[in-house]
C-alpha cells in the first residue's frame, strides 16, 4: 500500500495512541506482532486507500472489512498503538457529509443505494459494538482551534523536508493523555467564565468526552498531516498556533479581552489564509 510518490492533501489529524495493555485479547497479540514486524504506515497510505475505494466502480463508501493497520509509536520504551479503524471512520464521515452537502452533490459522489446500504450496515454494526469509538479525528484544509488547546508550544515538533528520518516535512505536537485532559478542563473553565455558550465551547466539550474514552497512559498527537505540503516551509516554521491559543487563554483569565482578541485574530487569520487555498486554481 505504501511507496506511491503521489501526495494526497490536505487533512490534519488528532490521534490517540494507547499502550498495548489497553487492548483486549486477541487484538493485543495482533498489535504486538504488527508492531514487531515493523510494518510502518503513514497517513498518506491510509488516505490513498480511502480515495481508491471512492473511485472504484461502483464506489465503496465504507470498506467491507475493517482495517488491520495502525500507527505505532514507541514512547519511553512502551509500544503504543493507534488503530486506523477506517470502516468506523468511514461511516462517521458519511454521516457528517450528509449534514454538510446537498443531496444532488452527494448523489453524484455516492449513489443513494450505496449510502443506504452503508447506513444499514452501520446500524447493524453499532448494535453489536455500542461502545466503539475512533482513535483518529480528521479535519480538511485546517486544524480546528480547539485542538490546539490540548497541546503546548514546547511540544511542537517541526522538521522541514529532508530532515529527520523522513523525506517528508513534519509538523506535529505530542502530549500525554493526562496533560491533554488537564488542559481541556482548564480551557473550559476559562471559556465558560469569559464567553457565552457556542461552537468553540461545544466543540471542546466534545473533544474532552472523546479523550475520556481512552487509557489514561495514552498519548495524544496533533498532526498537520497533508497540510505541510500546502503551507510551505516558511509558514510552517513561523506557525506557533498552540502558543497563540495559550496566550489568548491567559489574557482571558486575566480579564484582558483586548489582548485575547489580538491573539485570536492572529490565529484565525493564519488559518483563514490556509483554508482559502482550497478555492485557488
Foldseek 3Di string as FASTA:
>chain_A
DDDDPDADDDKWKKFKWAFLVQDDPPLSVLVVVVVVVVPADDPRNVVVVQVVQQPDVVHQLADPDFDSDWHWDQDPNTITTFGQRRRVVSLVVLVVCVVVDDPVVVCVRHNPVNNVVSVVVVVVVCVVVVLDDHRMDMDHLFDDLLVLLQFALVQWDWDPQPDDPHNHTWTKGKDQLVSSLVSLVLLLVLCVVQHDDDDSNVVSVVVNVVSVSGDNRMMIMTTSRRCPVQQDDVLRVPDRSSVLCVQLSVCSVVVNNVSNVVSVVVNVVSSVVRNCVVVPD
